[in-house]
Amino acid sequence: MLPTKRFTDFIEQNALFEQNSKILAAVSGGMDSVVMAHLLKATGFTFSIAHCNFQLRGDEAIADQQFSQSLASQLDVPFHTVNFDTQKYAADKKISIQMAARELRYQWFQQISQQSGYDVIALAHHQNDAIETILLNLTRGTGIAGMHGILPKNGQLVRPMLFLKREEIQDIVNANGLAYVEDSSNTSVKYARNKIRLEVIPKLKELNPALESTFEHNLKHFRGLEILLEQRLAELKRDLFIMHDNEIHLPVEEVKKLSPKSLLLFGLLQEYGFNETTVEDIISVLDKHSGRIFESLSFTLVLDRTNLILAKKQPGPAEPVTITNGEHEAHYSNYRVSILHDDSPLIIKDNPMAVSIDTELLVYPLTLRPWEQGDNFHPLGMKTGQKLSDFFTHQKIPLHQKKEIPLLVNGNGDIIWIGGYRPDERYKVSKKTKKVTIFELYKL
């Protein structure tokens, strides 16, 4: 007898799929996936079988493929199969054979699912697989998410066999005389998961014969803790994440109050690519001078005076752009620059994105470029020069934004205008001015 009631109860309790759902069942030919296919058939679900041949075990892999096709014929369901050059894929991507096989099969499952309109992809993981996953995660290092093992449902992936232990599946196979194929690689301890299954878990069961039941309870507790943490992080994001244009500001004083600080700050920054080591480094400088920059693959985090500023990484400094006499428009980085020539000594007020310059003082060609170390100018209203780095500090411009500010530079090397902030005193419109050139920035 097949445990059809337990099967359908588990599916319903975990909302894996509906009776009318269209299911793609991943079948290797091993006893786990074979039992899953028979259970799907016995409970009246609409499903198809999908089998991957990774071409790693020669004739044995071909036999598995043929067996899976025969099983589909026996159960009278559609059959999908594919052959992968797994070794080439692994070599090209410089990853392990196991990781290559994983990527290939999940990519293919998604492709078949989209093409044929399947609602879910059913995988035959059971309770022992979940235990092995937790132990494997613990040996490699993991957070709370790695402690819940294998979830019954993760997006389109469903695992309707998680209610069964490996020994129970073996009993079902024996009691019902179900044919299956055995993957010889499952007995090789050169793979970490097999080593845990064949060597570690038997030792643990000597200490606790009811290991599976204990882990089943532990999994529920770990998942509950994970849900609590997710809820707390969602609250913190609402309270601490302050949006400024394309940046996220986290008040430093509020970050200092987090407890436990490492766990919560890592949870807040993890999705932006920051690892636990970097988070510890961030915490260590919260009481020190501002200006420290931390980077993940796609984001930067800057310790400013009062905030941690999180921003998506920008391309390197923009290439300088030359403006020749008579031009009316130029493009620099994320800006369009409008250039207007006027016969009246017009002074632009209350618009930091525009400036009036005495035309007779311009030496062409002009240049638009980013800030460079050592740059200085004479801020409007001052008779003496000032380093741009000092000006930026007084303006409280974060370090990561300095390179994004366009500088208008005269042909003689003088900085005429810090775009969006301040013109140079030496180039302002005066009583002697006869013509002005107006530069206006538009952010694209």
Foldseek 3Di string as FASTA:
>chain_A
DQPLVLLVVLCVVQVLDDQAFEEEEEDQQALLSLSVVVSCLVNNHHYEYEYEQAVPPPPLSVVSVVNSVVSCVVSVHHYHYDYHPQVVQCVVVVHDSVVSVVVVVVVVVVVVCVVVVGQAYEYRDELVQQVLQLVVCVVVDDDLVSLLGDDQDDHRYGHSHHVDDPVVSVVVCVVVVPGGDDDPCLCDVVDPSSCCVPPVVVVVCVVPVPVSVVSVVVSVVSVVVVVVLVVVLVVCCVVAFDDDPQKTWGFLVVLLPDVVNLVNVCVNCVVVADDSVVSVVVNVCSVDDWQDWDDGPFWIWGRAPTTTMIHGDDPPQWDKDKAFPPDQWDDTDQKIKGKDKFQDLDADPPFLQKGKFQVVPAAPGKMKGADDPPAWAAFAPGPDIDHVVVVCVVVRPHPVCRSVFIWIAGPVGHTQGRGSHTGGNVTHRDPPGRMIMMMGIDGD
